[in-house]
ModelCIF file with pLDDT and N, C-alpha, C, O atoms, coordinates in Angstrom:
data_MODEL
#
_entry.id   MODEL 
#
_entity.id                         1 
_entity.type                       polymer 
_entity.pdbx_number_of_molecules   1 
#
_entity_poly.entity_id                      1 
_entity_poly.type                           'polypeptide(L)' 
_entity_poly.nstd_linkage                   no 
_entity_poly.nstd_monomer                   no 
_entity_poly.pdbx_seq_one_letter_code       LAIKAAEASYPVAFDSATRWIERLAAAHAQGLLERELRKLNRYRLLV 
_entity_poly.pdbx_seq_one_letter_code_can   LAIKAAEASYPVAFDSATRWIERLAAAHAQGLLERELRKLNRYRLLV 
_entity_poly.pdbx_strand_id                 A 
#
loop_
_entity_poly_seq.entity_id 
_entity_poly_seq.num 
_entity_poly_seq.mon_id 
_entity_poly_seq.hetero 
1 1  LEU n 
1 2  ALA n 
1 3  ILE n 
1 4  LYS n 
1 5  ALA n 
1 6  ALA n 
1 7  GLU n 
1 8  ALA n 
1 9  SER n 
1 10 TYR n 
1 11 PRO n 
1 12 VAL n 
1 13 ALA n 
1 14 PHE n 
1 15 ASP n 
1 16 SER n 
1 17 ALA n 
1 18 THR n 
1 19 ARG n 
1 20 TRP n 
1 21 ILE n 
1 22 GLU n 
1 23 ARG n 
1 24 LEU n 
1 25 ALA n 
1 26 ALA n 
1 27 ALA n 
1 28 HIS n 
1 29 ALA n 
1 30 GLN n 
1 31 GLY n 
1 32 LEU n 
1 33 LEU n 
1 34 GLU n 
1 35 ARG n 
1 36 GLU n 
1 37 LEU n 
1 38 ARG n 
1 39 LYS n 
1 40 LEU n 
1 41 ASN n 
1 42 ARG n 
1 43 TYR n 
1 44 ARG n 
1 45 LEU n 
1 46 LEU n 
1 47 VAL n 
#
_struct_asym.id          A 
_struct_asym.entity_id   1 
#
loop_
_ma_qa_metric.id 
_ma_qa_metric.mode 
_ma_qa_metric.name 
_ma_qa_metric.software_group_id 
_ma_qa_metric.type 
1 global pLDDT . pLDDT 
2 local  pLDDT . pLDDT 
#
_ma_qa_metric_global.metric_id      1 
_ma_qa_metric_global.metric_value   96.96 
_ma_qa_metric_global.model_id       1 
_ma_qa_metric_global.ordinal_id     1 
#
loop_
_ma_qa_metric_local.label_asym_id 
_ma_qa_metric_local.label_comp_id 
_ma_qa_metric_local.label_seq_id 
_ma_qa_metric_local.metric_id 
_ma_qa_metric_local.metric_value 
_ma_qa_metric_local.model_id 
_ma_qa_metric_local.ordinal_id 
A LEU 1  2 98.00 1 1  
A ALA 2  2 98.00 1 2  
A ILE 3  2 97.00 1 3  
A LYS 4  2 97.00 1 4  
A ALA 5  2 97.00 1 5  
A ALA 6  2 96.00 1 6  
A GLU 7  2 94.00 1 7  
A ALA 8  2 94.00 1 8  
A SER 9  2 93.00 1 9  
A TYR 10 2 96.00 1 10 
A PRO 11 2 97.00 1 11 
A VAL 12 2 98.00 1 12 
A ALA 13 2 98.00 1 13 
A PHE 14 2 98.00 1 14 
A ASP 15 2 98.00 1 15 
A SER 16 2 97.00 1 16 
A ALA 17 2 97.00 1 17 
A THR 18 2 96.00 1 18 
A ARG 19 2 97.00 1 19 
A TRP 20 2 98.00 1 20 
A ILE 21 2 97.00 1 21 
A GLU 22 2 97.00 1 22 
A ARG 23 2 97.00 1 23 
A LEU 24 2 98.00 1 24 
A ALA 25 2 98.00 1 25 
A ALA 26 2 98.00 1 26 
A ALA 27 2 98.00 1 27 
A HIS 28 2 97.00 1 28 
A ALA 29 2 97.00 1 29 
A GLN 30 2 97.00 1 30 
A GLY 31 2 97.00 1 31 
A LEU 32 2 98.00 1 32 
A LEU 33 2 97.00 1 33 
A GLU 34 2 96.00 1 34 
A ARG 35 2 97.00 1 35 
A GLU 36 2 98.00 1 36 
A LEU 37 2 97.00 1 37 
A ARG 38 2 96.00 1 38 
A LYS 39 2 96.00 1 39 
A LEU 40 2 97.00 1 40 
A ASN 41 2 96.00 1 41 
A ARG 42 2 96.00 1 42 
A TYR 43 2 97.00 1 43 
A ARG 44 2 97.00 1 44 
A LEU 45 2 98.00 1 45 
A LEU 46 2 98.00 1 46 
A VAL 47 2 98.00 1 47 
#
loop_
_atom_site.group_PDB 
_atom_site.id 
_atom_site.type_symbol 
_atom_site.label_atom_id 
_atom_site.label_alt_id 
_atom_site.label_comp_id 
_atom_site.label_asym_id 
_atom_site.label_entity_id 
_atom_site.label_seq_id 
_atom_site.pdbx_PDB_ins_code 
_atom_site.Cartn_x 
_atom_site.Cartn_y 
_atom_site.Cartn_z 
_atom_site.occupancy 
_atom_site.B_iso_or_equiv 
_atom_site.pdbx_formal_charge 
_atom_site.auth_seq_id 
_atom_site.auth_comp_id 
_atom_site.auth_asym_id 
_atom_site.auth_atom_id 
_atom_site.pdbx_PDB_model_num 
ATOM 1   N N  . LEU A 1 1  ? 0.830  -1.204 0.000  1.00 98.00 ? 1  LEU A N  1 
ATOM 2   C CA . LEU A 1 1  ? 0.000  0.000  0.000  1.00 98.00 ? 1  LEU A CA 1 
ATOM 3   C C  . LEU A 1 1  ? 0.867  1.258  0.000  1.00 98.00 ? 1  LEU A C  1 
ATOM 4   O O  . LEU A 1 1  ? 0.526  2.256  -0.635 1.00 98.00 ? 1  LEU A O  1 
ATOM 5   N N  . ALA A 1 2  ? 1.981  1.202  0.713  1.00 98.00 ? 2  ALA A N  1 
ATOM 6   C CA . ALA A 1 2  ? 2.886  2.356  0.747  1.00 98.00 ? 2  ALA A CA 1 
ATOM 7   C C  . ALA A 1 2  ? 3.537  2.573  -0.614 1.00 98.00 ? 2  ALA A C  1 
ATOM 8   O O  . ALA A 1 2  ? 3.748  3.717  -1.017 1.00 98.00 ? 2  ALA A O  1 
ATOM 9   N N  . ILE A 1 3  ? 3.857  1.503  -1.327 1.00 97.00 ? 3  ILE A N  1 
ATOM 10  C CA . ILE A 1 3  ? 4.420  1.650  -2.668 1.00 97.00 ? 3  ILE A CA 1 
ATOM 11  C C  . ILE A 1 3  ? 3.385  2.256  -3.611 1.00 97.00 ? 3  ILE A C  1 
ATOM 12  O O  . ILE A 1 3  ? 3.730  3.089  -4.448 1.00 97.00 ? 3  ILE A O  1 
ATOM 13  N N  . LYS A 1 4  ? 2.126  1.852  -3.490 1.00 97.00 ? 4  LYS A N  1 
ATOM 14  C CA . LYS A 1 4  ? 1.066  2.488  -4.278 1.00 97.00 ? 4  LYS A CA 1 
ATOM 15  C C  . LYS A 1 4  ? 1.011  3.987  -3.971 1.00 97.00 ? 4  LYS A C  1 
ATOM 16  O O  . LYS A 1 4  ? 0.816  4.811  -4.865 1.00 97.00 ? 4  LYS A O  1 
ATOM 17  N N  . ALA A 1 5  ? 1.183  4.320  -2.705 1.00 97.00 ? 5  ALA A N  1 
ATOM 18  C CA . ALA A 1 5  ? 1.176  5.739  -2.310 1.00 97.00 ? 5  ALA A CA 1 
ATOM 19  C C  . ALA A 1 5  ? 2.352  6.478  -2.943 1.00 97.00 ? 5  ALA A C  1 
ATOM 20  O O  . ALA A 1 5  ? 2.193  7.598  -3.427 1.00 97.00 ? 5  ALA A O  1 
ATOM 21  N N  . ALA A 1 6  ? 3.530  5.857  -2.942 1.00 96.00 ? 6  ALA A N  1 
ATOM 22  C CA . ALA A 1 6  ? 4.705  6.479  -3.560 1.00 96.00 ? 6  ALA A CA 1 
ATOM 23  C C  . ALA A 1 6  ? 4.481  6.684  -5.049 1.00 96.00 ? 6  ALA A C  1 
ATOM 24  O O  . ALA A 1 6  ? 4.876  7.708  -5.606 1.00 96.00 ? 6  ALA A O  1 
ATOM 25  N N  . GLU A 1 7  ? 3.855  5.721  -5.688 1.00 94.00 ? 7  GLU A N  1 
ATOM 26  C CA . GLU A 1 7  ? 3.553  5.850  -7.116 1.00 94.00 ? 7  GLU A CA 1 
ATOM 27  C C  . GLU A 1 7  ? 2.560  6.980  -7.373 1.00 94.00 ? 7  GLU A C  1 
ATOM 28  O O  . GLU A 1 7  ? 2.540  7.568  -8.454 1.00 94.00 ? 7  GLU A O  1 
ATOM 29  N N  . ALA A 1 8  ? 1.738  7.276  -6.368 1.00 94.00 ? 8  ALA A N  1 
ATOM 30  C CA . ALA A 1 8  ? 0.765  8.360  -6.487 1.00 94.00 ? 8  ALA A CA 1 
ATOM 31  C C  . ALA A 1 8  ? 1.348  9.697  -6.025 1.00 94.00 ? 8  ALA A C  1 
ATOM 32  O O  . ALA A 1 8  ? 0.614  10.665 -5.829 1.00 94.00 ? 8  ALA A O  1 
ATOM 33  N N  . SER A 1 9  ? 2.664  9.743  -5.852 1.00 93.00 ? 9  SER A N  1 
ATOM 34  C CA . SER A 1 9  ? 3.413  10.964 -5.509 1.00 93.00 ? 9  SER A CA 1 
ATOM 35  C C  . SER A 1 9  ? 3.299  11.367 -4.038 1.00 93.00 ? 9  SER A C  1 
ATOM 36  O O  . SER A 1 9  ? 3.607  12.507 -3.693 1.00 93.00 ? 9  SER A O  1 
ATOM 37  N N  . TYR A 1 10 ? 2.864  10.457 -3.167 1.00 96.00 ? 10 TYR A N  1 
ATOM 38  C CA . TYR A 1 10 ? 2.830  10.752 -1.741 1.00 96.00 ? 10 TYR A CA 1 
ATOM 39  C C  . TYR A 1 10 ? 4.157  10.359 -1.091 1.00 96.00 ? 10 TYR A C  1 
ATOM 40  O O  . TYR A 1 10 ? 4.644  9.255  -1.335 1.00 96.00 ? 10 TYR A O  1 
ATOM 41  N N  . PRO A 1 11 ? 4.758  11.228 -0.272 1.00 97.00 ? 11 PRO A N  1 
ATOM 42  C CA . PRO A 1 11 ? 5.947  10.833 0.492  1.00 97.00 ? 11 PRO A CA 1 
ATOM 43  C C  . PRO A 1 11 ? 5.558  9.841  1.592  1.00 97.00 ? 11 PRO A C  1 
ATOM 44  O O  . PRO A 1 11 ? 4.591  10.066 2.320  1.00 97.00 ? 11 PRO A O  1 
ATOM 45  N N  . VAL A 1 12 ? 6.306  8.755  1.710  1.00 98.00 ? 12 VAL A N  1 
ATOM 46  C CA . VAL A 1 12 ? 5.986  7.692  2.661  1.00 98.00 ? 12 VAL A CA 1 
ATOM 47  C C  . VAL A 1 12 ? 7.234  7.293  3.432  1.00 98.00 ? 12 VAL A C  1 
ATOM 48  O O  . VAL A 1 12 ? 8.355  7.540  2.988  1.00 98.00 ? 12 VAL A O  1 
ATOM 49  N N  . ALA A 1 13 ? 7.030  6.672  4.595  1.00 98.00 ? 13 ALA A N  1 
ATOM 50  C CA . ALA A 1 13 ? 8.148  6.164  5.394  1.00 98.00 ? 13 ALA A CA 1 
ATOM 51  C C  . ALA A 1 13 ? 7.716  4.892  6.102  1.00 98.00 ? 13 ALA A C  1 
ATOM 52  O O  . ALA A 1 13 ? 6.560  4.751  6.501  1.00 98.00 ? 13 ALA A O  1 
ATOM 53  N N  . PHE A 1 14 ? 8.649  3.972  6.253  1.00 98.00 ? 14 PHE A N  1 
ATOM 54  C CA . PHE A 1 14 ? 8.370  2.662  6.855  1.00 98.00 ? 14 PHE A CA 1 
ATOM 55  C C  . PHE A 1 14 ? 9.359  2.388  7.981  1.00 98.00 ? 14 PHE A C  1 
ATOM 56  O O  . PHE A 1 14 ? 10.539 2.723  7.879  1.00 98.00 ? 14 PHE A O  1 
ATOM 57  N N  . ASP A 1 15 ? 8.864  1.771  9.060  1.00 98.00 ? 15 ASP A N  1 
ATOM 58  C CA . ASP A 1 15 ? 9.748  1.206  10.078 1.00 98.00 ? 15 ASP A CA 1 
ATOM 59  C C  . ASP A 1 15 ? 8.915  0.365  11.030 1.00 98.00 ? 15 ASP A C  1 
ATOM 60  O O  . ASP A 1 15 ? 7.686  0.434  11.037 1.00 98.00 ? 15 ASP A O  1 
ATOM 61  N N  . SER A 1 16 ? 9.608  -0.428 11.830 1.00 97.00 ? 16 SER A N  1 
ATOM 62  C CA . SER A 1 16 ? 8.911  -1.202 12.860 1.00 97.00 ? 16 SER A CA 1 
ATOM 63  C C  . SER A 1 16 ? 8.496  -0.267 13.988 1.00 97.00 ? 16 SER A C  1 
ATOM 64  O O  . SER A 1 16 ? 9.050  0.821  14.144 1.00 97.00 ? 16 SER A O  1 
ATOM 65  N N  . ALA A 1 17 ? 7.524  -0.701 14.764 1.00 97.00 ? 17 ALA A N  1 
ATOM 66  C CA . ALA A 1 17 ? 7.074  0.111  15.897 1.00 97.00 ? 17 ALA A CA 1 
ATOM 67  C C  . ALA A 1 17 ? 8.236  0.394  16.842 1.00 97.00 ? 17 ALA A C  1 
ATOM 68  O O  . ALA A 1 17 ? 8.380  1.509  17.343 1.00 97.00 ? 17 ALA A O  1 
ATOM 69  N N  . THR A 1 18 ? 9.061  -0.616 17.082 1.00 96.00 ? 18 THR A N  1 
ATOM 70  C CA . THR A 1 18 ? 10.198 -0.443 17.987 1.00 96.00 ? 18 THR A CA 1 
ATOM 71  C C  . THR A 1 18 ? 11.167 0.618  17.474 1.00 96.00 ? 18 THR A C  1 
ATOM 72  O O  . THR A 1 18 ? 11.659 1.449  18.239 1.00 96.00 ? 18 THR A O  1 
ATOM 73  N N  . ARG A 1 19 ? 11.435 0.578  16.163 1.00 97.00 ? 19 ARG A N  1 
ATOM 74  C CA . ARG A 1 19 ? 12.370 1.558  15.601 1.00 97.00 ? 19 ARG A CA 1 
ATOM 75  C C  . ARG A 1 19 ? 11.776 2.962  15.594 1.00 97.00 ? 19 ARG A C  1 
ATOM 76  O O  . ARG A 1 19 ? 12.504 3.932  15.805 1.00 97.00 ? 19 ARG A O  1 
ATOM 77  N N  . TRP A 1 20 ? 10.467 3.094  15.355 1.00 98.00 ? 20 TRP A N  1 
ATOM 78  C CA . TRP A 1 20 ? 9.844  4.416  15.439 1.00 98.00 ? 20 TRP A CA 1 
ATOM 79  C C  . TRP A 1 20 ? 9.983  4.972  16.853 1.00 98.00 ? 20 TRP A C  1 
ATOM 80  O O  . TRP A 1 20 ? 10.279 6.152  17.040 1.00 98.00 ? 20 TRP A O  1 
ATOM 81  N N  . ILE A 1 21 ? 9.765  4.107  17.849 1.00 97.00 ? 21 ILE A N  1 
ATOM 82  C CA . ILE A 1 21 ? 9.864  4.563  19.240 1.00 97.00 ? 21 ILE A CA 1 
ATOM 83  C C  . ILE A 1 21 ? 11.298 4.956  19.567 1.00 97.00 ? 21 ILE A C  1 
ATOM 84  O O  . ILE A 1 21 ? 11.519 5.951  20.257 1.00 97.00 ? 21 ILE A O  1 
ATOM 85  N N  . GLU A 1 22 ? 12.265 4.202  19.092 1.00 97.00 ? 22 GLU A N  1 
ATOM 86  C CA . GLU A 1 22 ? 13.672 4.555  19.324 1.00 97.00 ? 22 GLU A CA 1 
ATOM 87  C C  . GLU A 1 22 ? 13.979 5.928  18.733 1.00 97.00 ? 22 GLU A C  1 
ATOM 88  O O  . GLU A 1 22 ? 14.697 6.725  19.337 1.00 97.00 ? 22 GLU A O  1 
ATOM 89  N N  . ARG A 1 23 ? 13.442 6.195  17.569 1.00 97.00 ? 23 ARG A N  1 
ATOM 90  C CA . ARG A 1 23 ? 13.671 7.497  16.924 1.00 97.00 ? 23 ARG A CA 1 
ATOM 91  C C  . ARG A 1 23 ? 13.048 8.629  17.741 1.00 97.00 ? 23 ARG A C  1 
ATOM 92  O O  . ARG A 1 23 ? 13.666 9.677  17.933 1.00 97.00 ? 23 ARG A O  1 
ATOM 93  N N  . LEU A 1 24 ? 11.836 8.414  18.214 1.00 98.00 ? 24 LEU A N  1 
ATOM 94  C CA . LEU A 1 24 ? 11.172 9.446  19.015 1.00 98.00 ? 24 LEU A CA 1 
ATOM 95  C C  . LEU A 1 24 ? 11.844 9.608  20.377 1.00 98.00 ? 24 LEU A C  1 
ATOM 96  O O  . LEU A 1 24 ? 11.944 10.722 20.890 1.00 98.00 ? 24 LEU A O  1 
ATOM 97  N N  . ALA A 1 25 ? 12.303 8.505  20.964 1.00 98.00 ? 25 ALA A N  1 
ATOM 98  C CA . ALA A 1 25 ? 12.972 8.574  22.263 1.00 98.00 ? 25 ALA A CA 1 
ATOM 99  C C  . ALA A 1 25 ? 14.266 9.387  22.157 1.00 98.00 ? 25 ALA A C  1 
ATOM 100 O O  . ALA A 1 25 ? 14.594 10.169 23.050 1.00 98.00 ? 25 ALA A O  1 
ATOM 101 N N  . ALA A 1 26 ? 15.001 9.190  21.047 1.00 98.00 ? 26 ALA A N  1 
ATOM 102 C CA . ALA A 1 26 ? 16.233 9.957  20.853 1.00 98.00 ? 26 ALA A CA 1 
ATOM 103 C C  . ALA A 1 26 ? 15.926 11.448 20.715 1.00 98.00 ? 26 ALA A C  1 
ATOM 104 O O  . ALA A 1 26 ? 16.647 12.289 21.254 1.00 98.00 ? 26 ALA A O  1 
ATOM 105 N N  . ALA A 1 27 ? 14.861 11.768 19.996 1.00 98.00 ? 27 ALA A N  1 
ATOM 106 C CA . ALA A 1 27 ? 14.470 13.175 19.856 1.00 98.00 ? 27 ALA A CA 1 
ATOM 107 C C  . ALA A 1 27 ? 14.023 13.750 21.193 1.00 98.00 ? 27 ALA A C  1 
ATOM 108 O O  . ALA A 1 27 ? 14.353 14.887 21.527 1.00 98.00 ? 27 ALA A O  1 
ATOM 109 N N  . HIS A 1 28 ? 13.275 12.967 21.951 1.00 97.00 ? 28 HIS A N  1 
ATOM 110 C CA . HIS A 1 28 ? 12.793 13.416 23.260 1.00 97.00 ? 28 HIS A CA 1 
ATOM 111 C C  . HIS A 1 28 ? 13.968 13.703 24.200 1.00 97.00 ? 28 HIS A C  1 
ATOM 112 O O  . HIS A 1 28 ? 13.950 14.686 24.941 1.00 97.00 ? 28 HIS A O  1 
ATOM 113 N N  . ALA A 1 29 ? 14.976 12.848 24.165 1.00 97.00 ? 29 ALA A N  1 
ATOM 114 C CA . ALA A 1 29 ? 16.141 13.031 25.029 1.00 97.00 ? 29 ALA A CA 1 
ATOM 115 C C  . ALA A 1 29 ? 16.874 14.330 24.728 1.00 97.00 ? 29 ALA A C  1 
ATOM 116 O O  . ALA A 1 29 ? 17.541 14.889 25.598 1.00 97.00 ? 29 ALA A O  1 
ATOM 117 N N  . GLN A 1 30 ? 16.749 14.812 23.488 1.00 97.00 ? 30 GLN A N  1 
ATOM 118 C CA . GLN A 1 30 ? 17.391 16.067 23.098 1.00 97.00 ? 30 GLN A CA 1 
ATOM 119 C C  . GLN A 1 30 ? 16.448 17.263 23.177 1.00 97.00 ? 30 GLN A C  1 
ATOM 120 O O  . GLN A 1 30 ? 16.798 18.375 22.782 1.00 97.00 ? 30 GLN A O  1 
ATOM 121 N N  . GLY A 1 31 ? 15.244 17.014 23.696 1.00 97.00 ? 31 GLY A N  1 
ATOM 122 C CA . GLY A 1 31 ? 14.257 18.087 23.783 1.00 97.00 ? 31 GLY A CA 1 
ATOM 123 C C  . GLY A 1 31 ? 13.666 18.480 22.446 1.00 97.00 ? 31 GLY A C  1 
ATOM 124 O O  . GLY A 1 31 ? 13.197 19.606 22.275 1.00 97.00 ? 31 GLY A O  1 
ATOM 125 N N  . LEU A 1 32 ? 13.685 17.545 21.483 1.00 98.00 ? 32 LEU A N  1 
ATOM 126 C CA . LEU A 1 32 ? 13.255 17.855 20.118 1.00 98.00 ? 32 LEU A CA 1 
ATOM 127 C C  . LEU A 1 32 ? 12.080 17.004 19.675 1.00 98.00 ? 32 LEU A C  1 
ATOM 128 O O  . LEU A 1 32 ? 11.879 16.806 18.476 1.00 98.00 ? 32 LEU A O  1 
ATOM 129 N N  . LEU A 1 33 ? 11.298 16.495 20.624 1.00 97.00 ? 33 LEU A N  1 
ATOM 130 C CA . LEU A 1 33 ? 10.217 15.585 20.257 1.00 97.00 ? 33 LEU A CA 1 
ATOM 131 C C  . LEU A 1 33 ? 9.190  16.263 19.360 1.00 97.00 ? 33 LEU A C  1 
ATOM 132 O O  . LEU A 1 33 ? 8.809  15.704 18.331 1.00 97.00 ? 33 LEU A O  1 
ATOM 133 N N  . GLU A 1 34 ? 8.735  17.458 19.731 1.00 96.00 ? 34 GLU A N  1 
ATOM 134 C CA . GLU A 1 34 ? 7.723  18.143 18.926 1.00 96.00 ? 34 GLU A CA 1 
ATOM 135 C C  . GLU A 1 34 ? 8.244  18.417 17.522 1.00 96.00 ? 34 GLU A C  1 
ATOM 136 O O  . GLU A 1 34 ? 7.513  18.293 16.539 1.00 96.00 ? 34 GLU A O  1 
ATOM 137 N N  . ARG A 1 35 ? 9.494  18.784 17.444 1.00 97.00 ? 35 ARG A N  1 
ATOM 138 C CA . ARG A 1 35 ? 10.100 19.039 16.131 1.00 97.00 ? 35 ARG A CA 1 
ATOM 139 C C  . ARG A 1 35 ? 10.109 17.762 15.297 1.00 97.00 ? 35 ARG A C  1 
ATOM 140 O O  . ARG A 1 35 ? 9.816  17.792 14.102 1.00 97.00 ? 35 ARG A O  1 
ATOM 141 N N  . GLU A 1 36 ? 10.445 16.644 15.930 1.00 98.00 ? 36 GLU A N  1 
ATOM 142 C CA . GLU A 1 36 ? 10.498 15.368 15.215 1.00 98.00 ? 36 GLU A CA 1 
ATOM 143 C C  . GLU A 1 36 ? 9.106  14.943 14.747 1.00 98.00 ? 36 GLU A C  1 
ATOM 144 O O  . GLU A 1 36 ? 8.955  14.443 13.633 1.00 98.00 ? 36 GLU A O  1 
ATOM 145 N N  . LEU A 1 37 ? 8.101  15.136 15.582 1.00 97.00 ? 37 LEU A N  1 
ATOM 146 C CA . LEU A 1 37 ? 6.735  14.791 15.186 1.00 97.00 ? 37 LEU A CA 1 
ATOM 147 C C  . LEU A 1 37 ? 6.282  15.656 14.014 1.00 97.00 ? 37 LEU A C  1 
ATOM 148 O O  . LEU A 1 37 ? 5.615  15.165 13.104 1.00 97.00 ? 37 LEU A O  1 
ATOM 149 N N  . ARG A 1 38 ? 6.636  16.936 14.030 1.00 96.00 ? 38 ARG A N  1 
ATOM 150 C CA . ARG A 1 38 ? 6.289  17.795 12.897 1.00 96.00 ? 38 ARG A CA 1 
ATOM 151 C C  . ARG A 1 38 ? 7.007  17.336 11.630 1.00 96.00 ? 38 ARG A C  1 
ATOM 152 O O  . ARG A 1 38 ? 6.443  17.374 10.536 1.00 96.00 ? 38 ARG A O  1 
ATOM 153 N N  . LYS A 1 39 ? 8.243  16.907 11.791 1.00 96.00 ? 39 LYS A N  1 
ATOM 154 C CA . LYS A 1 39 ? 9.014  16.407 10.643 1.00 96.00 ? 39 LYS A CA 1 
ATOM 155 C C  . LYS A 1 39 ? 8.343  15.169 10.056 1.00 96.00 ? 39 LYS A C  1 
ATOM 156 O O  . LYS A 1 39 ? 8.240  15.033 8.837  1.00 96.00 ? 39 LYS A O  1 
ATOM 157 N N  . LEU A 1 40 ? 7.892  14.277 10.916 1.00 97.00 ? 40 LEU A N  1 
ATOM 158 C CA . LEU A 1 40 ? 7.229  13.059 10.441 1.00 97.00 ? 40 LEU A CA 1 
ATOM 159 C C  . LEU A 1 40 ? 5.899  13.368 9.779  1.00 97.00 ? 40 LEU A C  1 
ATOM 160 O O  . LEU A 1 40 ? 5.449  12.633 8.901  1.00 97.00 ? 40 LEU A O  1 
ATOM 161 N N  . ASN A 1 41 ? 5.276  14.450 10.198 1.00 96.00 ? 41 ASN A N  1 
ATOM 162 C CA . ASN A 1 41 ? 3.990  14.811 9.598  1.00 96.00 ? 41 ASN A CA 1 
ATOM 163 C C  . ASN A 1 41 ? 4.133  15.293 8.157  1.00 96.00 ? 41 ASN A C  1 
ATOM 164 O O  . ASN A 1 41 ? 3.132  15.476 7.465  1.00 96.00 ? 41 ASN A O  1 
ATOM 165 N N  . ARG A 1 42 ? 5.369  15.501 7.697  1.00 96.00 ? 42 ARG A N  1 
ATOM 166 C CA . ARG A 1 42 ? 5.575  15.830 6.289  1.00 96.00 ? 42 ARG A CA 1 
ATOM 167 C C  . ARG A 1 42 ? 5.300  14.615 5.403  1.00 96.00 ? 42 ARG A C  1 
ATOM 168 O O  . ARG A 1 42 ? 5.002  14.751 4.216  1.00 96.00 ? 42 ARG A O  1 
ATOM 169 N N  . TYR A 1 43 ? 5.407  13.424 6.001  1.00 97.00 ? 43 TYR A N  1 
ATOM 170 C CA . TYR A 1 43 ? 5.072  12.214 5.254  1.00 97.00 ? 43 TYR A CA 1 
ATOM 171 C C  . TYR A 1 43 ? 3.562  12.041 5.248  1.00 97.00 ? 43 TYR A C  1 
ATOM 172 O O  . TYR A 1 43 ? 2.921  12.089 6.298  1.00 97.00 ? 43 TYR A O  1 
ATOM 173 N N  . ARG A 1 44 ? 3.003  11.842 4.077  1.00 97.00 ? 44 ARG A N  1 
ATOM 174 C CA . ARG A 1 44 ? 1.556  11.653 4.006  1.00 97.00 ? 44 ARG A CA 1 
ATOM 175 C C  . ARG A 1 44 ? 1.144  10.285 4.521  1.00 97.00 ? 44 ARG A C  1 
ATOM 176 O O  . ARG A 1 44 ? -0.010 10.084 4.901  1.00 97.00 ? 44 ARG A O  1 
ATOM 177 N N  . LEU A 1 45 ? 2.094  9.329  4.535  1.00 98.00 ? 45 LEU A N  1 
ATOM 178 C CA . LEU A 1 45 ? 1.792  7.990  5.037  1.00 98.00 ? 45 LEU A CA 1 
ATOM 179 C C  . LEU A 1 45 ? 2.986  7.441  5.803  1.00 98.00 ? 45 LEU A C  1 
ATOM 180 O O  . LEU A 1 45 ? 4.113  7.445  5.307  1.00 98.00 ? 45 LEU A O  1 
ATOM 181 N N  . LEU A 1 46 ? 2.725  6.966  7.020  1.00 98.00 ? 46 LEU A N  1 
ATOM 182 C CA . LEU A 1 46 ? 3.707  6.216  7.793  1.00 98.00 ? 46 LEU A CA 1 
ATOM 183 C C  . LEU A 1 46 ? 3.232  4.778  7.928  1.00 98.00 ? 46 LEU A C  1 
ATOM 184 O O  . LEU A 1 46 ? 2.059  4.526  8.200  1.00 98.00 ? 46 LEU A O  1 
ATOM 185 N N  . VAL A 1 47 ? 4.147  3.843  7.736  1.00 98.00 ? 47 VAL A N  1 
ATOM 186 C CA . VAL A 1 47 ? 3.858  2.440  8.018  1.00 98.00 ? 47 VAL A CA 1 
ATOM 187 C C  . VAL A 1 47 ? 4.530  2.091  9.332  1.00 98.00 ? 47 VAL A C  1 
ATOM 188 O O  . VAL A 1 47 ? 4.434  0.953  9.792  1.00 98.00 ? 47 VAL A O  1 
#
């Protein structure tokens, strides 16, 4: 479904739940959680 989205010109990103949490935890530790969430919102679809 994400590849169909990419073909339709939507920016997409994929990762496991654990890896998404690791990414957010690293941002939170640096006080950048809100910034990271806004960055992820640039993707029209997250898997």
